[in-house]
Amino acid sequence: MGIFESGDMQQDAGAFISLKKLQEIEEKEDKVTMIYVKIDKNADVDDVTERIEEKYGDLTTIASLEDLQSVDQGLQTVDTATWAISLLAIIIGGIGVINTMIMSVFERTREIGVLKAVGWKDRRILAMILGESVVITVIAAIAGSVLGVAAIQVLLELGMKGFIEPVYTPEIFIRAFGVAFSVGILGGLYPAYRASRLAPTEALRYE
């Protein structure tokens, strides 16, 4: 999204649209993400850039199309890396949950045997282990959300305001907790199934 300064500007395959309409289409009402400035032929680009940065300290200036393309490619790379890191984190988180819950079941074999001996059904044991798994992942999601917001604020303070703009919406956090809940269920399925299938007599003899 951009604003064009007054003056003639023509481009192949280009189009003009009102700023308000474009903001509605992009769902960025009352926001401008980029401003194009046309300078005089004999003007010093570096001098204009410096004056803009001095007057508008929260703006990041790009003096050439090559720089703009480099920034765009860099942002695309960062976006791809973010998705890859997120997927890897989900996989590692799932493995961590499985490992944690298996160890929990292993260490509480006698306890599970006692519960089954006093009448607990297999599905109740299953629900207990799954519930613990979900609680672990939800707590991890809360901690991760707090650390994520803190890390973004640190990046902004380090001078990334012109390149990233954090957006905190309920949908983002709901999605994060949805992923955490799914990881908790999937990661706890096998340990929960294993715990529910323990024979009470064998579990009670376990040391």
N, C-alpha and C. Protein backbone atom coordinates (compact mmCIF):
# COMPACT_ATOMS: atom_id res chain seq x y z
N MET A 1 0.86 -1.18 0.00
CA MET A 1 0.00 0.00 0.00
C MET A 1 0.89 1.23 0.00
N GLY A 2 0.59 2.20 -0.84
CA GLY A 2 1.46 3.36 -0.87
C GLY A 2 0.71 4.64 -1.19
N ILE A 3 1.33 5.78 -0.93
CA ILE A 3 0.81 7.09 -1.28
C ILE A 3 1.76 7.68 -2.31
N PHE A 4 1.24 8.19 -3.42
CA PHE A 4 2.06 8.81 -4.44
C PHE A 4 1.99 10.32 -4.28
N GLU A 5 3.17 10.95 -4.21
CA GLU A 5 3.22 12.40 -4.12
C GLU A 5 2.67 13.00 -5.42
N SER A 6 2.28 14.25 -5.35
CA SER A 6 1.73 14.91 -6.53
C SER A 6 2.75 14.92 -7.65
N GLY A 7 2.28 14.83 -8.87
CA GLY A 7 3.18 14.74 -10.01
C GLY A 7 2.76 13.60 -10.90
N ASP A 8 3.21 13.61 -12.15
CA ASP A 8 2.83 12.56 -13.08
C ASP A 8 3.61 11.29 -12.78
N MET A 9 2.94 10.16 -12.76
CA MET A 9 3.60 8.88 -12.57
C MET A 9 2.88 7.88 -13.44
N GLN A 10 3.62 7.22 -14.31
CA GLN A 10 3.03 6.23 -15.19
C GLN A 10 3.88 4.97 -15.15
N GLN A 11 3.20 3.83 -15.09
CA GLN A 11 3.88 2.55 -15.09
C GLN A 11 3.08 1.58 -15.94
N ASP A 12 3.80 0.64 -16.56
CA ASP A 12 3.11 -0.40 -17.31
C ASP A 12 2.38 -1.31 -16.34
N ALA A 13 1.21 -1.77 -16.75
CA ALA A 13 0.40 -2.68 -15.94
C ALA A 13 0.10 -2.11 -14.56
N GLY A 14 -0.03 -0.79 -14.46
CA GLY A 14 -0.33 -0.15 -13.18
C GLY A 14 -1.77 0.30 -13.12
N ALA A 15 -2.20 0.66 -11.93
CA ALA A 15 -3.57 1.14 -11.74
C ALA A 15 -3.60 2.09 -10.57
N PHE A 16 -4.57 3.02 -10.58
CA PHE A 16 -4.74 3.97 -9.49
C PHE A 16 -6.05 3.67 -8.79
N ILE A 17 -6.05 3.81 -7.48
CA ILE A 17 -7.25 3.56 -6.69
C ILE A 17 -7.20 4.49 -5.49
N SER A 18 -8.34 4.87 -5.00
CA SER A 18 -8.35 5.78 -3.84
C SER A 18 -7.75 5.08 -2.63
N LEU A 19 -7.06 5.87 -1.80
CA LEU A 19 -6.41 5.32 -0.62
C LEU A 19 -7.41 4.64 0.31
N LYS A 20 -8.55 5.29 0.53
CA LYS A 20 -9.55 4.72 1.44
C LYS A 20 -10.05 3.37 0.96
N LYS A 21 -10.30 3.26 -0.36
CA LYS A 21 -10.78 2.00 -0.91
C LYS A 21 -9.73 0.91 -0.79
N LEU A 22 -8.48 1.26 -1.05
CA LEU A 22 -7.39 0.30 -0.94
C LEU A 22 -7.22 -0.18 0.49
N GLN A 23 -7.36 0.74 1.44
CA GLN A 23 -7.24 0.35 2.85
C GLN A 23 -8.36 -0.61 3.23
N GLU A 24 -9.55 -0.41 2.68
CA GLU A 24 -10.65 -1.33 2.96
C GLU A 24 -10.38 -2.71 2.38
N ILE A 25 -9.86 -2.74 1.14
CA ILE A 25 -9.57 -4.01 0.50
C ILE A 25 -8.48 -4.78 1.26
N GLU A 26 -7.45 -4.06 1.69
CA GLU A 26 -6.33 -4.68 2.39
C GLU A 26 -6.61 -4.90 3.88
N GLU A 27 -7.79 -4.44 4.34
CA GLU A 27 -8.15 -4.53 5.77
C GLU A 27 -7.11 -3.82 6.64
N LYS A 28 -6.67 -2.67 6.17
CA LYS A 28 -5.71 -1.85 6.91
C LYS A 28 -6.22 -0.42 6.97
N GLU A 29 -7.42 -0.27 7.49
CA GLU A 29 -8.05 1.04 7.54
C GLU A 29 -7.23 2.00 8.41
N ASP A 30 -7.09 3.24 7.90
CA ASP A 30 -6.35 4.30 8.58
C ASP A 30 -4.86 3.97 8.74
N LYS A 31 -4.34 3.06 7.89
CA LYS A 31 -2.92 2.70 7.96
C LYS A 31 -2.27 2.88 6.59
N VAL A 32 -1.04 3.33 6.60
CA VAL A 32 -0.24 3.45 5.38
C VAL A 32 1.08 2.72 5.64
N THR A 33 1.39 1.76 4.79
CA THR A 33 2.60 0.96 5.00
C THR A 33 3.78 1.45 4.18
N MET A 34 3.53 2.21 3.12
CA MET A 34 4.63 2.69 2.29
C MET A 34 4.26 4.00 1.62
N ILE A 35 5.21 4.90 1.53
CA ILE A 35 5.02 6.20 0.87
C ILE A 35 6.09 6.37 -0.20
N TYR A 36 5.67 6.57 -1.42
CA TYR A 36 6.61 6.83 -2.52
C TYR A 36 6.77 8.34 -2.69
N VAL A 37 7.99 8.81 -2.75
CA VAL A 37 8.27 10.24 -2.90
C VAL A 37 9.06 10.45 -4.19
N LYS A 38 8.54 11.31 -5.08
CA LYS A 38 9.24 11.64 -6.32
C LYS A 38 10.01 12.93 -6.11
N ILE A 39 11.33 12.88 -6.31
CA ILE A 39 12.16 14.05 -6.06
C ILE A 39 12.58 14.67 -7.40
N ASP A 40 13.06 15.91 -7.33
CA ASP A 40 13.53 16.61 -8.54
C ASP A 40 14.74 15.89 -9.14
N LYS A 41 14.93 16.10 -10.42
CA LYS A 41 15.99 15.39 -11.15
C LYS A 41 17.38 15.67 -10.55
N ASN A 42 17.62 16.90 -10.16
CA ASN A 42 18.95 17.28 -9.68
C ASN A 42 19.09 17.18 -8.15
N ALA A 43 18.08 16.67 -7.50
CA ALA A 43 18.12 16.59 -6.03
C ALA A 43 19.09 15.50 -5.58
N ASP A 44 19.65 15.71 -4.40
CA ASP A 44 20.56 14.73 -3.81
C ASP A 44 19.73 13.70 -3.02
N VAL A 45 19.74 12.46 -3.51
CA VAL A 45 18.92 11.42 -2.88
C VAL A 45 19.31 11.20 -1.43
N ASP A 46 20.61 11.19 -1.16
CA ASP A 46 21.07 10.95 0.21
C ASP A 46 20.63 12.08 1.14
N ASP A 47 20.67 13.30 0.64
CA ASP A 47 20.27 14.45 1.45
C ASP A 47 18.77 14.39 1.75
N VAL A 48 17.96 14.06 0.74
CA VAL A 48 16.51 13.95 0.94
C VAL A 48 16.21 12.83 1.93
N THR A 49 16.90 11.71 1.75
CA THR A 49 16.69 10.56 2.66
C THR A 49 17.02 10.94 4.09
N GLU A 50 18.13 11.64 4.28
CA GLU A 50 18.55 12.03 5.63
C GLU A 50 17.55 12.97 6.27
N ARG A 51 17.03 13.94 5.48
CA ARG A 51 16.07 14.90 6.03
C ARG A 51 14.75 14.22 6.42
N ILE A 52 14.34 13.24 5.61
CA ILE A 52 13.11 12.51 5.93
C ILE A 52 13.28 11.73 7.23
N GLU A 53 14.43 11.07 7.38
CA GLU A 53 14.67 10.28 8.58
C GLU A 53 14.80 11.15 9.82
N GLU A 54 15.35 12.37 9.64
CA GLU A 54 15.47 13.27 10.78
C GLU A 54 14.11 13.79 11.22
N LYS A 55 13.25 14.08 10.24
CA LYS A 55 11.94 14.64 10.56
C LYS A 55 10.96 13.58 11.02
N TYR A 56 11.04 12.40 10.42
CA TYR A 56 10.12 11.31 10.77
C TYR A 56 10.96 10.12 11.23
N GLY A 57 11.29 10.14 12.51
CA GLY A 57 12.20 9.13 13.04
C GLY A 57 11.69 7.71 13.01
N ASP A 58 10.35 7.53 12.89
CA ASP A 58 9.80 6.18 12.91
C ASP A 58 9.67 5.59 11.51
N LEU A 59 10.18 6.30 10.49
CA LEU A 59 10.12 5.81 9.11
C LEU A 59 11.46 5.22 8.70
N THR A 60 11.40 4.18 7.88
CA THR A 60 12.60 3.60 7.30
C THR A 60 12.61 3.93 5.82
N THR A 61 13.67 4.56 5.34
CA THR A 61 13.71 5.00 3.94
C THR A 61 14.47 3.99 3.08
N ILE A 62 14.00 3.82 1.86
CA ILE A 62 14.65 2.98 0.87
C ILE A 62 14.85 3.82 -0.38
N ALA A 63 16.09 3.96 -0.82
CA ALA A 63 16.41 4.93 -1.87
C ALA A 63 16.33 4.38 -3.28
N SER A 64 16.27 3.05 -3.46
CA SER A 64 16.26 2.50 -4.81
C SER A 64 15.37 1.27 -4.88
N LEU A 65 14.95 0.93 -6.09
CA LEU A 65 14.13 -0.26 -6.28
C LEU A 65 14.89 -1.53 -5.92
N GLU A 66 16.20 -1.51 -6.16
CA GLU A 66 17.02 -2.67 -5.81
C GLU A 66 16.98 -2.94 -4.31
N ASP A 67 17.08 -1.85 -3.53
CA ASP A 67 17.00 -1.99 -2.07
C ASP A 67 15.64 -2.51 -1.65
N LEU A 68 14.58 -2.02 -2.32
CA LEU A 68 13.22 -2.45 -2.01
C LEU A 68 13.06 -3.94 -2.30
N GLN A 69 13.60 -4.39 -3.43
CA GLN A 69 13.51 -5.79 -3.78
C GLN A 69 14.29 -6.65 -2.78
N SER A 70 15.44 -6.13 -2.35
CA SER A 70 16.24 -6.88 -1.36
C SER A 70 15.49 -7.02 -0.05
N VAL A 71 14.85 -5.93 0.38
CA VAL A 71 14.07 -5.97 1.62
C VAL A 71 12.91 -6.94 1.48
N ASP A 72 12.23 -6.89 0.31
CA ASP A 72 11.09 -7.78 0.09
C ASP A 72 11.52 -9.24 0.11
N GLN A 73 12.63 -9.54 -0.55
CA GLN A 73 13.14 -10.90 -0.55
C GLN A 73 13.54 -11.34 0.86
N GLY A 74 14.13 -10.40 1.59
CA GLY A 74 14.52 -10.71 2.96
C GLY A 74 13.32 -11.03 3.83
N LEU A 75 12.24 -10.24 3.65
CA LEU A 75 11.02 -10.50 4.43
C LEU A 75 10.40 -11.84 4.06
N GLN A 76 10.43 -12.20 2.77
CA GLN A 76 9.92 -13.49 2.34
C GLN A 76 10.72 -14.63 2.94
N THR A 77 12.04 -14.44 2.98
CA THR A 77 12.91 -15.45 3.59
C THR A 77 12.61 -15.61 5.07
N VAL A 78 12.43 -14.47 5.74
CA VAL A 78 12.10 -14.51 7.17
C VAL A 78 10.77 -15.21 7.40
N ASP A 79 9.79 -14.92 6.53
CA ASP A 79 8.47 -15.55 6.65
C ASP A 79 8.57 -17.06 6.48
N THR A 80 9.33 -17.50 5.46
CA THR A 80 9.52 -18.94 5.23
C THR A 80 10.22 -19.59 6.41
N ALA A 81 11.27 -18.92 6.90
CA ALA A 81 12.01 -19.45 8.04
C ALA A 81 11.13 -19.53 9.28
N THR A 82 10.24 -18.54 9.44
CA THR A 82 9.34 -18.55 10.59
C THR A 82 8.41 -19.76 10.56
N TRP A 83 7.84 -20.04 9.37
CA TRP A 83 6.98 -21.22 9.24
C TRP A 83 7.76 -22.50 9.51
N ALA A 84 8.98 -22.59 8.98
CA ALA A 84 9.80 -23.79 9.18
C ALA A 84 10.14 -23.98 10.66
N ILE A 85 10.51 -22.89 11.32
CA ILE A 85 10.84 -22.97 12.74
C ILE A 85 9.61 -23.35 13.56
N SER A 86 8.45 -22.79 13.19
CA SER A 86 7.21 -23.11 13.91
C SER A 86 6.88 -24.59 13.77
N LEU A 87 7.00 -25.12 12.54
CA LEU A 87 6.71 -26.54 12.32
C LEU A 87 7.68 -27.42 13.10
N LEU A 88 8.96 -27.04 13.08
CA LEU A 88 9.96 -27.80 13.83
C LEU A 88 9.67 -27.75 15.33
N ALA A 89 9.26 -26.58 15.81
CA ALA A 89 8.94 -26.44 17.23
C ALA A 89 7.75 -27.32 17.62
N ILE A 90 6.75 -27.41 16.73
CA ILE A 90 5.58 -28.25 17.00
C ILE A 90 5.99 -29.71 17.08
N ILE A 91 6.85 -30.14 16.13
CA ILE A 91 7.31 -31.54 16.12
C ILE A 91 8.12 -31.86 17.37
N ILE A 92 9.06 -30.96 17.69
CA ILE A 92 9.89 -31.18 18.89
C ILE A 92 9.02 -31.15 20.15
N GLY A 93 8.04 -30.22 20.17
CA GLY A 93 7.13 -30.16 21.32
C GLY A 93 6.34 -31.44 21.48
N GLY A 94 5.85 -31.98 20.35
CA GLY A 94 5.10 -33.24 20.41
C GLY A 94 5.95 -34.38 20.94
N ILE A 95 7.20 -34.47 20.45
CA ILE A 95 8.11 -35.52 20.92
C ILE A 95 8.39 -35.34 22.41
N GLY A 96 8.57 -34.07 22.83
CA GLY A 96 8.82 -33.80 24.24
C GLY A 96 7.65 -34.21 25.12
N VAL A 97 6.42 -33.94 24.65
CA VAL A 97 5.24 -34.33 25.42
C VAL A 97 5.14 -35.85 25.53
N ILE A 98 5.38 -36.54 24.42
CA ILE A 98 5.33 -38.01 24.44
C ILE A 98 6.35 -38.55 25.44
N ASN A 99 7.57 -38.04 25.37
CA ASN A 99 8.62 -38.51 26.28
C ASN A 99 8.27 -38.23 27.74
N THR A 100 7.78 -37.01 28.00
CA THR A 100 7.43 -36.64 29.38
C THR A 100 6.32 -37.53 29.93
N MET A 101 5.29 -37.76 29.12
CA MET A 101 4.16 -38.55 29.60
C MET A 101 4.50 -40.03 29.73
N ILE A 102 5.36 -40.55 28.86
CA ILE A 102 5.78 -41.95 28.99
C ILE A 102 6.55 -42.12 30.29
N MET A 103 7.45 -41.18 30.58
CA MET A 103 8.20 -41.25 31.84
C MET A 103 7.27 -41.13 33.03
N SER A 104 6.24 -40.28 32.91
CA SER A 104 5.27 -40.13 33.99
C SER A 104 4.53 -41.44 34.24
N VAL A 105 4.10 -42.07 33.17
CA VAL A 105 3.39 -43.35 33.30
C VAL A 105 4.32 -44.41 33.89
N PHE A 106 5.57 -44.43 33.43
CA PHE A 106 6.55 -45.41 33.90
C PHE A 106 6.78 -45.26 35.41
N GLU A 107 6.92 -44.02 35.87
CA GLU A 107 7.19 -43.77 37.28
C GLU A 107 5.97 -43.98 38.17
N ARG A 108 4.78 -43.94 37.59
CA ARG A 108 3.55 -44.06 38.38
C ARG A 108 2.82 -45.37 38.11
N THR A 109 3.58 -46.38 37.70
CA THR A 109 2.95 -47.65 37.36
C THR A 109 2.18 -48.24 38.54
N ARG A 110 2.79 -48.24 39.71
CA ARG A 110 2.11 -48.78 40.89
C ARG A 110 0.86 -47.95 41.23
N GLU A 111 0.98 -46.61 41.11
CA GLU A 111 -0.17 -45.75 41.38
C GLU A 111 -1.33 -46.06 40.44
N ILE A 112 -1.01 -46.24 39.16
CA ILE A 112 -2.05 -46.57 38.19
C ILE A 112 -2.65 -47.93 38.50
N GLY A 113 -1.79 -48.87 38.93
CA GLY A 113 -2.29 -50.20 39.31
C GLY A 113 -3.26 -50.12 40.48
N VAL A 114 -2.94 -49.28 41.48
CA VAL A 114 -3.84 -49.11 42.63
C VAL A 114 -5.17 -48.51 42.18
N LEU A 115 -5.11 -47.50 41.32
CA LEU A 115 -6.34 -46.87 40.83
C LEU A 115 -7.22 -47.88 40.09
N LYS A 116 -6.61 -48.73 39.28
CA LYS A 116 -7.38 -49.73 38.55
C LYS A 116 -7.92 -50.79 39.50
N ALA A 117 -7.14 -51.09 40.54
CA ALA A 117 -7.58 -52.11 41.51
C ALA A 117 -8.79 -51.64 42.31
N VAL A 118 -8.90 -50.32 42.53
CA VAL A 118 -10.03 -49.80 43.31
C VAL A 118 -11.23 -49.46 42.43
N GLY A 119 -11.12 -49.77 41.13
CA GLY A 119 -12.29 -49.65 40.29
C GLY A 119 -12.25 -48.62 39.17
N TRP A 120 -11.11 -47.95 38.99
CA TRP A 120 -11.03 -46.97 37.90
C TRP A 120 -11.11 -47.70 36.56
N LYS A 121 -11.93 -47.19 35.66
CA LYS A 121 -12.07 -47.76 34.33
C LYS A 121 -10.89 -47.32 33.45
N ASP A 122 -10.68 -48.11 32.38
CA ASP A 122 -9.59 -47.78 31.46
C ASP A 122 -9.75 -46.38 30.87
N ARG A 123 -10.99 -46.02 30.52
CA ARG A 123 -11.19 -44.71 29.91
C ARG A 123 -10.94 -43.58 30.89
N ARG A 124 -11.14 -43.85 32.20
CA ARG A 124 -10.85 -42.81 33.19
C ARG A 124 -9.35 -42.60 33.32
N ILE A 125 -8.59 -43.70 33.29
CA ILE A 125 -7.13 -43.59 33.29
C ILE A 125 -6.67 -42.86 32.05
N LEU A 126 -7.28 -43.21 30.91
CA LEU A 126 -6.94 -42.56 29.64
C LEU A 126 -7.18 -41.06 29.72
N ALA A 127 -8.34 -40.66 30.26
CA ALA A 127 -8.69 -39.25 30.36
C ALA A 127 -7.74 -38.52 31.31
N MET A 128 -7.33 -39.18 32.39
CA MET A 128 -6.42 -38.55 33.35
C MET A 128 -5.08 -38.22 32.71
N ILE A 129 -4.50 -39.19 32.00
CA ILE A 129 -3.21 -38.96 31.38
C ILE A 129 -3.30 -37.92 30.26
N LEU A 130 -4.37 -38.00 29.46
CA LEU A 130 -4.56 -37.01 28.40
C LEU A 130 -4.74 -35.61 28.98
N GLY A 131 -5.49 -35.53 30.09
CA GLY A 131 -5.69 -34.24 30.75
C GLY A 131 -4.38 -33.63 31.22
N GLU A 132 -3.52 -34.46 31.81
CA GLU A 132 -2.22 -33.97 32.26
C GLU A 132 -1.39 -33.49 31.07
N SER A 133 -1.45 -34.23 29.96
CA SER A 133 -0.71 -33.85 28.76
C SER A 133 -1.18 -32.49 28.23
N VAL A 134 -2.49 -32.28 28.20
CA VAL A 134 -3.04 -31.02 27.71
C VAL A 134 -2.66 -29.87 28.63
N VAL A 135 -2.70 -30.11 29.95
CA VAL A 135 -2.33 -29.06 30.91
C VAL A 135 -0.88 -28.62 30.69
N ILE A 136 0.01 -29.59 30.47
CA ILE A 136 1.42 -29.27 30.23
C ILE A 136 1.58 -28.39 29.00
N THR A 137 0.90 -28.76 27.90
CA THR A 137 1.05 -27.99 26.67
C THR A 137 0.38 -26.61 26.76
N VAL A 138 -0.72 -26.49 27.49
CA VAL A 138 -1.37 -25.19 27.65
C VAL A 138 -0.48 -24.25 28.46
N ILE A 139 0.14 -24.78 29.53
CA ILE A 139 1.07 -23.98 30.31
C ILE A 139 2.25 -23.53 29.43
N ALA A 140 2.72 -24.46 28.60
CA ALA A 140 3.82 -24.13 27.67
C ALA A 140 3.37 -23.05 26.68
N ALA A 141 2.10 -23.11 26.23
CA ALA A 141 1.59 -22.11 25.29
C ALA A 141 1.53 -20.74 25.95
N ILE A 142 1.12 -20.68 27.20
CA ILE A 142 1.08 -19.40 27.92
C ILE A 142 2.48 -18.82 28.04
N ALA A 143 3.43 -19.68 28.47
CA ALA A 143 4.81 -19.21 28.62
C ALA A 143 5.39 -18.79 27.27
N GLY A 144 5.10 -19.55 26.22
CA GLY A 144 5.60 -19.22 24.89
C GLY A 144 5.03 -17.91 24.37
N SER A 145 3.74 -17.66 24.65
CA SER A 145 3.12 -16.41 24.21
C SER A 145 3.76 -15.21 24.89
N VAL A 146 3.99 -15.33 26.19
CA VAL A 146 4.61 -14.24 26.94
C VAL A 146 6.02 -13.97 26.43
N LEU A 147 6.80 -15.05 26.23
CA LEU A 147 8.17 -14.90 25.74
C LEU A 147 8.20 -14.35 24.31
N GLY A 148 7.22 -14.77 23.49
CA GLY A 148 7.14 -14.28 22.11
C GLY A 148 6.88 -12.79 22.06
N VAL A 149 5.92 -12.32 22.85
CA VAL A 149 5.61 -10.89 22.89
C VAL A 149 6.81 -10.10 23.42
N ALA A 150 7.48 -10.65 24.43
CA ALA A 150 8.66 -9.96 24.98
C ALA A 150 9.78 -9.88 23.94
N ALA A 151 9.99 -10.97 23.18
CA ALA A 151 11.04 -10.98 22.16
C ALA A 151 10.74 -9.96 21.06
N ILE A 152 9.48 -9.84 20.67
CA ILE A 152 9.10 -8.86 19.64
C ILE A 152 9.36 -7.45 20.12
N GLN A 153 9.03 -7.18 21.38
CA GLN A 153 9.28 -5.84 21.93
C GLN A 153 10.77 -5.52 21.96
N VAL A 154 11.58 -6.53 22.24
CA VAL A 154 13.04 -6.32 22.24
C VAL A 154 13.51 -5.98 20.83
N LEU A 155 12.99 -6.71 19.83
CA LEU A 155 13.36 -6.43 18.44
C LEU A 155 12.96 -5.02 18.02
N LEU A 156 11.79 -4.60 18.46
CA LEU A 156 11.33 -3.24 18.13
C LEU A 156 12.25 -2.20 18.75
N GLU A 157 12.67 -2.45 19.98
CA GLU A 157 13.56 -1.51 20.66
C GLU A 157 14.94 -1.48 20.01
N LEU A 158 15.30 -2.56 19.33
CA LEU A 158 16.61 -2.62 18.68
C LEU A 158 16.61 -1.99 17.29
N GLY A 159 15.48 -1.40 16.89
CA GLY A 159 15.44 -0.68 15.62
C GLY A 159 14.72 -1.38 14.49
N MET A 160 13.85 -2.34 14.79
CA MET A 160 13.14 -3.07 13.75
C MET A 160 11.74 -2.52 13.51
N LYS A 161 11.43 -1.34 14.03
CA LYS A 161 10.08 -0.79 13.89
C LYS A 161 9.69 -0.57 12.44
N GLY A 162 10.65 -0.25 11.59
CA GLY A 162 10.33 0.01 10.20
C GLY A 162 10.12 -1.25 9.38
N PHE A 163 10.52 -2.41 9.92
CA PHE A 163 10.46 -3.65 9.16
C PHE A 163 9.37 -4.60 9.66
N ILE A 164 9.06 -4.56 10.92
CA ILE A 164 8.03 -5.44 11.46
C ILE A 164 7.01 -4.62 12.24
N GLU A 165 5.79 -5.06 12.17
CA GLU A 165 4.72 -4.41 12.91
C GLU A 165 3.91 -5.50 13.61
N PRO A 166 4.10 -5.67 14.91
CA PRO A 166 3.40 -6.75 15.60
C PRO A 166 1.89 -6.54 15.61
N VAL A 167 1.17 -7.62 15.46
CA VAL A 167 -0.29 -7.59 15.49
C VAL A 167 -0.74 -8.62 16.52
N TYR A 168 -1.39 -8.14 17.57
CA TYR A 168 -1.88 -9.04 18.61
C TYR A 168 -3.40 -9.07 18.52
N THR A 169 -3.92 -10.17 18.03
CA THR A 169 -5.37 -10.33 17.91
C THR A 169 -5.80 -11.60 18.64
N PRO A 170 -7.05 -11.64 19.08
CA PRO A 170 -7.55 -12.86 19.74
C PRO A 170 -7.40 -14.10 18.87
N GLU A 171 -7.55 -13.93 17.54
CA GLU A 171 -7.46 -15.08 16.64
C GLU A 171 -6.07 -15.72 16.69
N ILE A 172 -5.03 -14.89 16.79
CA ILE A 172 -3.67 -15.42 16.83
C ILE A 172 -3.45 -16.27 18.07
N PHE A 173 -3.89 -15.76 19.22
CA PHE A 173 -3.69 -16.50 20.46
C PHE A 173 -4.60 -17.73 20.52
N ILE A 174 -5.81 -17.62 19.98
CA ILE A 174 -6.69 -18.79 19.92
C ILE A 174 -6.06 -19.88 19.07
N ARG A 175 -5.46 -19.47 17.93
CA ARG A 175 -4.79 -20.44 17.06
C ARG A 175 -3.62 -21.10 17.78
N ALA A 176 -2.85 -20.29 18.53
CA ALA A 176 -1.70 -20.83 19.25
C ALA A 176 -2.14 -21.84 20.30
N PHE A 177 -3.19 -21.50 21.04
CA PHE A 177 -3.67 -22.43 22.05
C PHE A 177 -4.33 -23.66 21.42
N GLY A 178 -4.91 -23.48 20.23
CA GLY A 178 -5.47 -24.62 19.51
C GLY A 178 -4.39 -25.60 19.10
N VAL A 179 -3.25 -25.05 18.63
CA VAL A 179 -2.11 -25.90 18.27
C VAL A 179 -1.58 -26.61 19.51
N ALA A 180 -1.46 -25.88 20.61
CA ALA A 180 -0.96 -26.47 21.86
C ALA A 180 -1.88 -27.59 22.33
N PHE A 181 -3.19 -27.35 22.25
CA PHE A 181 -4.15 -28.38 22.66
C PHE A 181 -4.02 -29.62 21.78
N SER A 182 -3.87 -29.41 20.47
CA SER A 182 -3.73 -30.54 19.55
C SER A 182 -2.47 -31.34 19.83
N VAL A 183 -1.35 -30.62 20.08
CA VAL A 183 -0.10 -31.29 20.41
C VAL A 183 -0.24 -32.08 21.70
N GLY A 184 -0.95 -31.50 22.68
CA GLY A 184 -1.17 -32.20 23.95
C GLY A 184 -1.95 -33.49 23.77
N ILE A 185 -2.99 -33.44 22.94
CA ILE A 185 -3.80 -34.64 22.69
C ILE A 185 -2.99 -35.69 21.94
N LEU A 186 -2.35 -35.27 20.84
CA LEU A 186 -1.60 -36.23 20.03
C LEU A 186 -0.40 -36.79 20.79
N GLY A 187 0.30 -35.91 21.53
CA GLY A 187 1.46 -36.36 22.27
C GLY A 187 1.11 -37.25 23.45
N GLY A 188 -0.10 -37.11 23.98
CA GLY A 188 -0.48 -37.91 25.15
C GLY A 188 -1.26 -39.17 24.81
N LEU A 189 -1.59 -39.37 23.54
CA LEU A 189 -2.42 -40.52 23.17
C LEU A 189 -1.74 -41.86 23.50
N TYR A 190 -0.51 -42.03 23.01
CA TYR A 190 0.17 -43.31 23.24
C TYR A 190 0.43 -43.57 24.73
N PRO A 191 1.02 -42.60 25.47
CA PRO A 191 1.21 -42.84 26.91
C PRO A 191 -0.10 -43.12 27.64
N ALA A 192 -1.16 -42.40 27.26
CA ALA A 192 -2.45 -42.63 27.92
C ALA A 192 -2.99 -44.02 27.60
N TYR A 193 -2.86 -44.43 26.34
CA TYR A 193 -3.31 -45.77 25.95
C TYR A 193 -2.51 -46.84 26.68
N ARG A 194 -1.21 -46.63 26.78
CA ARG A 194 -0.35 -47.59 27.48
C ARG A 194 -0.75 -47.70 28.95
N ALA A 195 -1.01 -46.55 29.57
CA ALA A 195 -1.40 -46.57 30.99
C ALA A 195 -2.73 -47.27 31.18
N SER A 196 -3.68 -47.04 30.26
CA SER A 196 -5.01 -47.65 30.41
C SER A 196 -4.99 -49.14 30.21
N ARG A 197 -3.97 -49.67 29.52
CA ARG A 197 -3.90 -51.10 29.24
C ARG A 197 -3.07 -51.87 30.26
N LEU A 198 -2.54 -51.16 31.27
CA LEU A 198 -1.76 -51.86 32.29
C LEU A 198 -2.66 -52.81 33.08
N ALA A 199 -2.14 -54.00 33.29
CA ALA A 199 -2.88 -54.97 34.11
C ALA A 199 -2.67 -54.61 35.58
N PRO A 200 -3.74 -54.53 36.38
CA PRO A 200 -3.59 -54.13 37.80
C PRO A 200 -2.61 -55.00 38.57
N THR A 201 -2.66 -56.30 38.36
CA THR A 201 -1.77 -57.20 39.12
C THR A 201 -0.31 -56.97 38.77
N GLU A 202 -0.04 -56.78 37.47
CA GLU A 202 1.33 -56.54 37.05
C GLU A 202 1.82 -55.17 37.53
N ALA A 203 0.93 -54.18 37.51
CA ALA A 203 1.30 -52.84 37.94
C ALA A 203 1.59 -52.79 39.43
N LEU A 204 0.83 -53.55 40.21
CA LEU A 204 1.02 -53.53 41.66
C LEU A 204 2.32 -54.23 42.07
N ARG A 205 2.81 -55.17 41.23
CA ARG A 205 4.06 -55.85 41.52
C ARG A 205 5.26 -55.04 41.07
N TYR A 206 5.01 -53.96 40.33
CA TYR A 206 6.11 -53.20 39.78
C TYR A 206 6.86 -52.46 40.89
N GLU A 207 8.17 -52.47 40.82
CA GLU A 207 9.01 -51.73 41.79
C GLU A 207 9.75 -50.61 41.06
